[in-house]
Amino acid sequence: MARPRDASAGFSELLTQARITNRLLAAQLRETMSQQDLVRLLMGTGASNQDIADVLNTTPATVATTVQRLRRKAEGKGHDVAPPPGDGAQE
């Protein structure tokens, strides 16, 4: 009879699989999208700057700078669709 699996181990495996999948998808999108577009896309998921940095293999500070530039660009053009407020960081 098989032993029951530890639930925390199952969650850890799912988290690892999700991270791998995210990195693979980001790698595919890098060929057709700029980093700024990828940050804009990932911001829409509610991901933190750290999460986005992990997926894009960059630093949270780089993501924060990109978010600021996207906001300024959106404000300058007067678009109704701007990146969500906040810096994406989760404290």
PDB file of N, CA and C in Angstrom:
ATOM      1  N   MET A   1       0.848  -1.168   0.000  1.00  0.00           N
ATOM      2  CA  MET A   1       0.000   0.000   0.000  1.00  0.00           C
ATOM      3  C   MET A   1       0.900   1.240   0.000  1.00  0.00           C
ATOM      4  N   ALA A   2       0.565   2.220  -0.818  1.00  0.00           N
ATOM      5  CA  ALA A   2       1.373   3.436  -0.939  1.00  0.00           C
ATOM      6  C   ALA A   2       1.161   4.334   0.269  1.00  0.00           C
ATOM      7  N   ARG A   3       2.251   4.968   0.683  1.00  0.00           N
ATOM      8  CA  ARG A   3       2.155   5.922   1.793  1.00  0.00           C
ATOM      9  C   ARG A   3       1.488   7.199   1.311  1.00  0.00           C
ATOM     10  N   PRO A   4       0.694   7.836   2.156  1.00  0.00           N
ATOM     11  CA  PRO A   4       0.118   9.117   1.763  1.00  0.00           C
ATOM     12  C   PRO A   4       1.230  10.157   1.624  1.00  0.00           C
ATOM     13  N   ARG A   5       1.100  10.999   0.604  1.00  0.00           N
ATOM     14  CA  ARG A   5       2.112  12.034   0.375  1.00  0.00           C
ATOM     15  C   ARG A   5       1.886  13.218   1.288  1.00  0.00           C
ATOM     16  N   ASP A   6       2.952  13.840   1.658  1.00  0.00           N
ATOM     17  CA  ASP A   6       2.889  15.048   2.475  1.00  0.00           C
ATOM     18  C   ASP A   6       2.314  16.170   1.618  1.00  0.00           C
ATOM     19  N   ALA A   7       1.258  16.827   2.085  1.00  0.00           N
ATOM     20  CA  ALA A   7       0.588  17.880   1.318  1.00  0.00           C
ATOM     21  C   ALA A   7       1.537  19.030   1.015  1.00  0.00           C
ATOM     22  N   SER A   8       2.422  19.371   1.942  1.00  0.00           N
ATOM     23  CA  SER A   8       3.346  20.473   1.704  1.00  0.00           C
ATOM     24  C   SER A   8       4.337  20.133   0.593  1.00  0.00           C
ATOM     25  N   ALA A   9       4.708  18.876   0.468  1.00  0.00           N
ATOM     26  CA  ALA A   9       5.601  18.468  -0.610  1.00  0.00           C
ATOM     27  C   ALA A   9       4.881  18.614  -1.946  1.00  0.00           C
ATOM     28  N   GLY A  10       3.607  18.302  -1.991  1.00  0.00           N
ATOM     29  CA  GLY A  10       2.818  18.450  -3.218  1.00  0.00           C
ATOM     30  C   GLY A  10       2.733  19.903  -3.640  1.00  0.00           C
ATOM     31  N   PHE A  11       2.515  20.801  -2.685  1.00  0.00           N
ATOM     32  CA  PHE A  11       2.452  22.227  -2.984  1.00  0.00           C
ATOM     33  C   PHE A  11       3.796  22.725  -3.495  1.00  0.00           C
ATOM     34  N   SER A  12       4.864  22.278  -2.870  1.00  0.00           N
ATOM     35  CA  SER A  12       6.208  22.680  -3.283  1.00  0.00           C
ATOM     36  C   SER A  12       6.475  22.257  -4.728  1.00  0.00           C
ATOM     37  N   GLU A  13       6.068  21.039  -5.071  1.00  0.00           N
ATOM     38  CA  GLU A  13       6.248  20.555  -6.437  1.00  0.00           C
ATOM     39  C   GLU A  13       5.438  21.383  -7.428  1.00  0.00           C
ATOM     40  N   LEU A  14       4.204  21.724  -7.067  1.00  0.00           N
ATOM     41  CA  LEU A  14       3.368  22.550  -7.941  1.00  0.00           C
ATOM     42  C   LEU A  14       3.968  23.939  -8.136  1.00  0.00           C
ATOM     43  N   LEU A  15       4.487  24.496  -7.077  1.00  0.00           N
ATOM     44  CA  LEU A  15       5.114  25.809  -7.159  1.00  0.00           C
ATOM     45  C   LEU A  15       6.331  25.768  -8.079  1.00  0.00           C
ATOM     46  N   THR A  16       7.130  24.737  -7.957  1.00  0.00           N
ATOM     47  CA  THR A  16       8.304  24.582  -8.819  1.00  0.00           C
ATOM     48  C   THR A  16       7.878  24.432 -10.272  1.00  0.00           C
ATOM     49  N   GLN A  17       6.857  23.634 -10.530  1.00  0.00           N
ATOM     50  CA  GLN A  17       6.359  23.459 -11.893  1.00  0.00           C
ATOM     51  C   GLN A  17       5.832  24.767 -12.464  1.00  0.00           C
ATOM     52  N   ALA A  18       5.133  25.546 -11.647  1.00  0.00           N
ATOM     53  CA  ALA A  18       4.593  26.829 -12.100  1.00  0.00           C
ATOM     54  C   ALA A  18       5.731  27.786 -12.449  1.00  0.00           C
ATOM     55  N   ARG A  19       6.768  27.817 -11.635  1.00  0.00           N
ATOM     56  CA  ARG A  19       7.913  28.698 -11.910  1.00  0.00           C
ATOM     57  C   ARG A  19       8.604  28.306 -13.212  1.00  0.00           C
ATOM     58  N   ILE A  20       8.783  27.017 -13.410  1.00  0.00           N
ATOM     59  CA  ILE A  20       9.415  26.539 -14.641  1.00  0.00           C
ATOM     60  C   ILE A  20       8.561  26.914 -15.846  1.00  0.00           C
ATOM     61  N   THR A  21       7.267  26.695 -15.744  1.00  0.00           N
ATOM     62  CA  THR A  21       6.355  27.027 -16.836  1.00  0.00           C
ATOM     63  C   THR A  21       6.395  28.521 -17.139  1.00  0.00           C
ATOM     64  N   ASN A  22       6.371  29.349 -16.103  1.00  0.00           N
ATOM     65  CA  ASN A  22       6.429  30.793 -16.303  1.00  0.00           C
ATOM     66  C   ASN A  22       7.711  31.206 -17.006  1.00  0.00           C
ATOM     67  N   ARG A  23       8.820  30.635 -16.615  1.00  0.00           N
ATOM     68  CA  ARG A  23      10.094  30.989 -17.250  1.00  0.00           C
ATOM     69  C   ARG A  23      10.139  30.538 -18.701  1.00  0.00           C
ATOM     70  N   LEU A  24       9.590  29.360 -18.978  1.00  0.00           N
ATOM     71  CA  LEU A  24       9.557  28.880 -20.365  1.00  0.00           C
ATOM     72  C   LEU A  24       8.678  29.778 -21.236  1.00  0.00           C
ATOM     73  N   LEU A  25       7.523  30.163 -20.711  1.00  0.00           N
ATOM     74  CA  LEU A  25       6.640  31.055 -21.462  1.00  0.00           C
ATOM     75  C   LEU A  25       7.293  32.415 -21.679  1.00  0.00           C
ATOM     76  N   ALA A  26       7.928  32.944 -20.658  1.00  0.00           N
ATOM     77  CA  ALA A  26       8.607  34.233 -20.787  1.00  0.00           C
ATOM     78  C   ALA A  26       9.735  34.141 -21.816  1.00  0.00           C
ATOM     79  N   ALA A  27      10.452  33.028 -21.822  1.00  0.00           N
ATOM     80  CA  ALA A  27      11.536  32.857 -22.793  1.00  0.00           C
ATOM     81  C   ALA A  27      10.996  32.873 -24.220  1.00  0.00           C
ATOM     82  N   GLN A  28       9.859  32.251 -24.432  1.00  0.00           N
ATOM     83  CA  GLN A  28       9.249  32.255 -25.757  1.00  0.00           C
ATOM     84  C   GLN A  28       8.785  33.662 -26.141  1.00  0.00           C
ATOM     85  N   LEU A  29       8.188  34.367 -25.195  1.00  0.00           N
ATOM     86  CA  LEU A  29       7.666  35.695 -25.481  1.00  0.00           C
ATOM     87  C   LEU A  29       8.779  36.726 -25.679  1.00  0.00           C
ATOM     88  N   ARG A  30       9.954  36.512 -25.077  1.00  0.00           N
ATOM     89  CA  ARG A  30      11.068  37.451 -25.215  1.00  0.00           C
ATOM     90  C   ARG A  30      11.467  37.652 -26.666  1.00  0.00           C
ATOM     91  N   GLU A  31      11.246  36.627 -27.476  1.00  0.00           N
ATOM     92  CA  GLU A  31      11.622  36.718 -28.891  1.00  0.00           C
ATOM     93  C   GLU A  31      10.717  37.683 -29.649  1.00  0.00           C
ATOM     94  N   THR A  32       9.503  37.887 -29.166  1.00  0.00           N
ATOM     95  CA  THR A  32       8.558  38.736 -29.893  1.00  0.00           C
ATOM     96  C   THR A  32       8.128  39.973 -29.118  1.00  0.00           C
ATOM     97  N   MET A  33       8.421  40.040 -27.824  1.00  0.00           N
ATOM     98  CA  MET A  33       7.993  41.164 -27.001  1.00  0.00           C
ATOM     99  C   MET A  33       9.184  41.792 -26.289  1.00  0.00           C
ATOM    100  N   SER A  34       9.101  43.105 -26.070  1.00  0.00           N
ATOM    101  CA  SER A  34      10.146  43.779 -25.300  1.00  0.00           C
ATOM    102  C   SER A  34       9.958  43.474 -23.816  1.00  0.00           C
ATOM    103  N   GLN A  35      10.995  43.743 -23.028  1.00  0.00           N
ATOM    104  CA  GLN A  35      10.887  43.516 -21.584  1.00  0.00           C
ATOM    105  C   GLN A  35       9.788  44.402 -21.007  1.00  0.00           C
ATOM    106  N   GLN A  36       9.664  45.618 -21.528  1.00  0.00           N
ATOM    107  CA  GLN A  36       8.634  46.528 -21.040  1.00  0.00           C
ATOM    108  C   GLN A  36       7.239  45.953 -21.285  1.00  0.00           C
ATOM    109  N   ASP A  37       7.026  45.364 -22.457  1.00  0.00           N
ATOM    110  CA  ASP A  37       5.733  44.747 -22.747  1.00  0.00           C
ATOM    111  C   ASP A  37       5.478  43.534 -21.856  1.00  0.00           C
ATOM    112  N   LEU A  38       6.528  42.766 -21.583  1.00  0.00           N
ATOM    113  CA  LEU A  38       6.372  41.610 -20.702  1.00  0.00           C
ATOM    114  C   LEU A  38       6.025  42.047 -19.282  1.00  0.00           C
ATOM    115  N   VAL A  39       6.658  43.123 -18.807  1.00  0.00           N
ATOM    116  CA  VAL A  39       6.341  43.633 -17.468  1.00  0.00           C
ATOM    117  C   VAL A  39       4.890  44.090 -17.438  1.00  0.00           C
ATOM    118  N   ARG A  40       4.453  44.820 -18.479  1.00  0.00           N
ATOM    119  CA  ARG A  40       3.064  45.280 -18.543  1.00  0.00           C
ATOM    120  C   ARG A  40       2.098  44.081 -18.486  1.00  0.00           C
ATOM    121  N   LEU A  41       2.414  43.047 -19.224  1.00  0.00           N
ATOM    122  CA  LEU A  41       1.578  41.848 -19.248  1.00  0.00           C
ATOM    123  C   LEU A  41       1.521  41.185 -17.871  1.00  0.00           C
ATOM    124  N   LEU A  42       2.667  41.035 -17.229  1.00  0.00           N
ATOM    125  CA  LEU A  42       2.719  40.360 -15.935  1.00  0.00           C
ATOM    126  C   LEU A  42       2.125  41.207 -14.817  1.00  0.00           C
ATOM    127  N   MET A  43       2.176  42.539 -14.963  1.00  0.00           N
ATOM    128  CA  MET A  43       1.549  43.415 -13.959  1.00  0.00           C
ATOM    129  C   MET A  43       0.051  43.143 -13.887  1.00  0.00           C
ATOM    130  N   GLY A  44      -0.527  42.831 -15.020  1.00  0.00           N
ATOM    131  CA  GLY A  44      -1.954  42.559 -15.075  1.00  0.00           C
ATOM    132  C   GLY A  44      -2.369  41.327 -14.289  1.00  0.00           C
ATOM    133  N   THR A  45      -1.411  40.497 -13.939  1.00  0.00           N
ATOM    134  CA  THR A  45      -1.722  39.291 -13.169  1.00  0.00           C
ATOM    135  C   THR A  45      -1.734  39.574 -11.674  1.00  0.00           C
ATOM    136  N   GLY A  46      -1.283  40.784 -11.289  1.00  0.00           N
ATOM    137  CA  GLY A  46      -1.192  41.109  -9.869  1.00  0.00           C
ATOM    138  C   GLY A  46       0.088  40.615  -9.228  1.00  0.00           C
ATOM    139  N   ALA A  47       1.042  40.178 -10.055  1.00  0.00           N
ATOM    140  CA  ALA A  47       2.313  39.680  -9.536  1.00  0.00           C
ATOM    141  C   ALA A  47       3.120  40.824  -8.929  1.00  0.00           C
ATOM    142  N   SER A  48       3.897  40.519  -7.912  1.00  0.00           N
ATOM    143  CA  SER A  48       4.767  41.511  -7.285  1.00  0.00           C
ATOM    144  C   SER A  48       5.978  41.755  -8.188  1.00  0.00           C
ATOM    145  N   ASN A  49       6.704  42.836  -7.892  1.00  0.00           N
ATOM    146  CA  ASN A  49       7.934  43.124  -8.647  1.00  0.00           C
ATOM    147  C   ASN A  49       8.912  41.952  -8.530  1.00  0.00           C
ATOM    148  N   GLN A  50       8.987  41.346  -7.352  1.00  0.00           N
ATOM    149  CA  GLN A  50       9.888  40.204  -7.156  1.00  0.00           C
ATOM    150  C   GLN A  50       9.465  39.031  -8.030  1.00  0.00           C
ATOM    151  N   ASP A  51       8.158  38.750  -8.071  1.00  0.00           N
ATOM    152  CA  ASP A  51       7.663  37.645  -8.901  1.00  0.00           C
ATOM    153  C   ASP A  51       7.977  37.886 -10.374  1.00  0.00           C
ATOM    154  N   ILE A  52       7.732  39.117 -10.833  1.00  0.00           N
ATOM    155  CA  ILE A  52       7.997  39.453 -12.234  1.00  0.00           C
ATOM    156  C   ILE A  52       9.494  39.339 -12.514  1.00  0.00           C
ATOM    157  N   ALA A  53      10.317  39.832 -11.590  1.00  0.00           N
ATOM    158  CA  ALA A  53      11.770  39.755 -11.758  1.00  0.00           C
ATOM    159  C   ALA A  53      12.230  38.301 -11.859  1.00  0.00           C
ATOM    160  N   ASP A  54      11.657  37.439 -11.036  1.00  0.00           N
ATOM    161  CA  ASP A  54      12.024  36.018 -11.078  1.00  0.00           C
ATOM    162  C   ASP A  54      11.701  35.410 -12.433  1.00  0.00           C
ATOM    163  N   VAL A  55      10.528  35.722 -12.959  1.00  0.00           N
ATOM    164  CA  VAL A  55      10.110  35.164 -14.244  1.00  0.00           C
ATOM    165  C   VAL A  55      10.989  35.687 -15.382  1.00  0.00           C
ATOM    166  N   LEU A  56      11.321  36.975 -15.336  1.00  0.00           N
ATOM    167  CA  LEU A  56      12.088  37.594 -16.418  1.00  0.00           C
ATOM    168  C   LEU A  56      13.596  37.524 -16.205  1.00  0.00           C
ATOM    169  N   ASN A  57      14.008  36.921 -15.097  1.00  0.00           N
ATOM    170  CA  ASN A  57      15.427  36.770 -14.781  1.00  0.00           C
ATOM    171  C   ASN A  57      16.121  38.130 -14.723  1.00  0.00           C
ATOM    172  N   THR A  58      15.529  39.043 -13.953  1.00  0.00           N
ATOM    173  CA  THR A  58      16.088  40.372 -13.755  1.00  0.00           C
ATOM    174  C   THR A  58      15.920  40.742 -12.288  1.00  0.00           C
ATOM    175  N   THR A  59      16.132  41.994 -11.937  1.00  0.00           N
ATOM    176  CA  THR A  59      16.015  42.401 -10.543  1.00  0.00           C
ATOM    177  C   THR A  59      14.689  43.122 -10.294  1.00  0.00           C
ATOM    178  N   PRO A  60      14.200  43.092  -9.055  1.00  0.00           N
ATOM    179  CA  PRO A  60      12.976  43.833  -8.726  1.00  0.00           C
ATOM    180  C   PRO A  60      13.129  45.339  -8.979  1.00  0.00           C
ATOM    181  N   ALA A  61      14.336  45.872  -8.794  1.00  0.00           N
ATOM    182  CA  ALA A  61      14.564  47.297  -9.046  1.00  0.00           C
ATOM    183  C   ALA A  61      14.375  47.627 -10.534  1.00  0.00           C
ATOM    184  N   THR A  62      14.828  46.736 -11.406  1.00  0.00           N
ATOM    185  CA  THR A  62      14.633  46.932 -12.840  1.00  0.00           C
ATOM    186  C   THR A  62      13.149  46.913 -13.176  1.00  0.00           C
ATOM    187  N   VAL A  63      12.416  46.004 -12.557  1.00  0.00           N
ATOM    188  CA  VAL A  63      10.970  45.928 -12.779  1.00  0.00           C
ATOM    189  C   VAL A  63      10.304  47.208 -12.282  1.00  0.00           C
ATOM    190  N   ALA A  64      10.690  47.684 -11.102  1.00  0.00           N
ATOM    191  CA  ALA A  64      10.103  48.906 -10.547  1.00  0.00           C
ATOM    192  C   ALA A  64      10.343  50.094 -11.474  1.00  0.00           C
ATOM    193  N   THR A  65      11.548  50.195 -12.033  1.00  0.00           N
ATOM    194  CA  THR A  65      11.859  51.277 -12.961  1.00  0.00           C
ATOM    195  C   THR A  65      10.995  51.180 -14.213  1.00  0.00           C
ATOM    196  N   THR A  66      10.831  49.975 -14.719  1.00  0.00           N
ATOM    197  CA  THR A  66       9.998  49.766 -15.899  1.00  0.00           C
ATOM    198  C   THR A  66       8.549  50.136 -15.619  1.00  0.00           C
ATOM    199  N   VAL A  67       8.051  49.773 -14.430  1.00  0.00           N
ATOM    200  CA  VAL A  67       6.676  50.120 -14.043  1.00  0.00           C
ATOM    201  C   VAL A  67       6.515  51.639 -14.011  1.00  0.00           C
ATOM    202  N   GLN A  68       7.487  52.353 -13.448  1.00  0.00           N
ATOM    203  CA  GLN A  68       7.422  53.819 -13.401  1.00  0.00           C
ATOM    204  C   GLN A  68       7.401  54.409 -14.807  1.00  0.00           C
ATOM    205  N   ARG A  69       8.227  53.875 -15.685  1.00  0.00           N
ATOM    206  CA  ARG A  69       8.259  54.369 -17.069  1.00  0.00           C
ATOM    207  C   ARG A  69       6.931  54.106 -17.772  1.00  0.00           C
ATOM    208  N   LEU A  70       6.342  52.947 -17.534  1.00  0.00           N
ATOM    209  CA  LEU A  70       5.040  52.636 -18.136  1.00  0.00           C
ATOM    210  C   LEU A  70       3.970  53.607 -17.646  1.00  0.00           C
ATOM    211  N   ARG A  71       3.999  53.926 -16.363  1.00  0.00           N
ATOM    212  CA  ARG A  71       3.015  54.869 -15.812  1.00  0.00           C
ATOM    213  C   ARG A  71       3.174  56.256 -16.423  1.00  0.00           C
ATOM    214  N   ARG A  72       4.427  56.707 -16.505  1.00  0.00           N
ATOM    215  CA  ARG A  72       4.679  58.034 -17.088  1.00  0.00           C
ATOM    216  C   ARG A  72       4.229  58.077 -18.546  1.00  0.00           C
ATOM    217  N   LYS A  73       4.518  57.013 -19.268  1.00  0.00           N
ATOM    218  CA  LYS A  73       4.133  56.946 -20.675  1.00  0.00           C
ATOM    219  C   LYS A  73       2.610  56.981 -20.810  1.00  0.00           C
ATOM    220  N   ALA A  74       1.914  56.233 -19.950  1.00  0.00           N
ATOM    221  CA  ALA A  74       0.451  56.187 -19.993  1.00  0.00           C
ATOM    222  C   ALA A  74      -0.140  57.548 -19.625  1.00  0.00           C
ATOM    223  N   GLU A  75       0.446  58.208 -18.618  1.00  0.00           N
ATOM    224  CA  GLU A  75      -0.041  59.526 -18.208  1.00  0.00           C
ATOM    225  C   GLU A  75       0.199  60.551 -19.308  1.00  0.00           C
ATOM    226  N   GLY A  76       1.345  60.474 -19.961  1.00  0.00           N
ATOM    227  CA  GLY A  76       1.684  61.411 -21.024  1.00  0.00           C
ATOM    228  C   GLY A  76       0.776  61.299 -22.227  1.00  0.00           C
ATOM    229  N   LYS A  77       0.311  60.106 -22.495  1.00  0.00           N
ATOM    230  CA  LYS A  77      -0.578  59.888 -23.636  1.00  0.00           C
ATOM    231  C   LYS A  77      -2.035  60.057 -23.247  1.00  0.00           C
ATOM    232  N   GLY A  78      -2.301  60.160 -21.937  1.00  0.00           N
ATOM    233  CA  GLY A  78      -3.669  60.341 -21.475  1.00  0.00           C
ATOM    234  C   GLY A  78      -4.556  59.128 -21.688  1.00  0.00           C
ATOM    235  N   HIS A  79      -3.969  57.957 -21.683  1.00  0.00           N
ATOM    236  CA  HIS A  79      -4.763  56.738 -21.868  1.00  0.00           C
ATOM    237  C   HIS A  79      -5.581  56.426 -20.623  1.00  0.00           C
ATOM    238  N   ASP A  80      -6.761  55.884 -20.864  1.00  0.00           N
ATOM    239  CA  ASP A  80      -7.586  55.426 -19.752  1.00  0.00           C
ATOM    240  C   ASP A  80      -7.024  54.128 -19.177  1.00  0.00           C
ATOM    241  N   VAL A  81      -6.317  53.380 -20.005  1.00  0.00           N
ATOM    242  CA  VAL A  81      -5.783  52.095 -19.574  1.00  0.00           C
ATOM    243  C   VAL A  81      -4.335  52.307 -19.151  1.00  0.00           C
ATOM    244  N   ALA A  82      -4.129  52.429 -17.860  1.00  0.00           N
ATOM    245  CA  ALA A  82      -2.784  52.616 -17.303  1.00  0.00           C
ATOM    246  C   ALA A  82      -2.478  51.440 -16.409  1.00  0.00           C
ATOM    247  N   PRO A  83      -1.204  51.192 -16.154  1.00  0.00           N
ATOM    248  CA  PRO A  83      -0.855  50.109 -15.212  1.00  0.00           C
ATOM    249  C   PRO A  83      -1.522  50.360 -13.876  1.00  0.00           C
ATOM    250  N   PRO A  84      -1.858  49.315 -13.167  1.00  0.00           N
ATOM    251  CA  PRO A  84      -2.536  49.461 -11.876  1.00  0.00           C
ATOM    252  C   PRO A  84      -1.713  50.273 -10.886  1.00  0.00           C
ATOM    253  N   PRO A  85      -2.379  51.008  -9.981  1.00  0.00           N
ATOM    254  CA  PRO A  85      -1.643  51.784  -8.988  1.00  0.00           C
ATOM    255  C   PRO A  85      -0.849  50.887  -8.054  1.00  0.00           C
ATOM    256  N   GLY A  86       0.147  51.468  -7.411  1.00  0.00           N
ATOM    257  CA  GLY A  86       1.018  50.692  -6.516  1.00  0.00           C
ATOM    258  C   GLY A  86       2.251  50.282  -7.275  1.00  0.00           C
ATOM    259  N   ASP A  87       3.243  49.812  -6.538  1.00  0.00           N
ATOM    260  CA  ASP A  87       4.501  49.453  -7.199  1.00  0.00           C
ATOM    261  C   ASP A  87       4.623  47.955  -7.467  1.00  0.00           C
ATOM    262  N   GLY A  88       3.590  47.202  -7.156  1.00  0.00           N
ATOM    263  CA  GLY A  88       3.631  45.765  -7.393  1.00  0.00           C
ATOM    264  C   GLY A  88       4.348  44.997  -6.310  1.00  0.00           C
ATOM    265  N   ALA A  89       4.961  45.704  -5.374  1.00  0.00           N
ATOM    266  CA  ALA A  89       5.694  45.028  -4.295  1.00  0.00           C
ATOM    267  C   ALA A  89       4.725  44.539  -3.241  1.00  0.00           C
ATOM    268  N   GLN A  90       4.999  43.400  -2.718  1.00  0.00           N
ATOM    269  CA  GLN A  90       4.169  42.861  -1.646  1.00  0.00           C
ATOM    270  C   GLN A  90       4.984  42.890  -0.379  1.00  0.00           C
ATOM    271  N   GLU A  91       4.478  43.589   0.615  1.00  0.00           N
ATOM    272  CA  GLU A  91       5.241  43.716   1.858  1.00  0.00           C
ATOM    273  C   GLU A  91       4.704  42.759   2.877  1.00  0.00           C
TER     274      GLU A  91
END
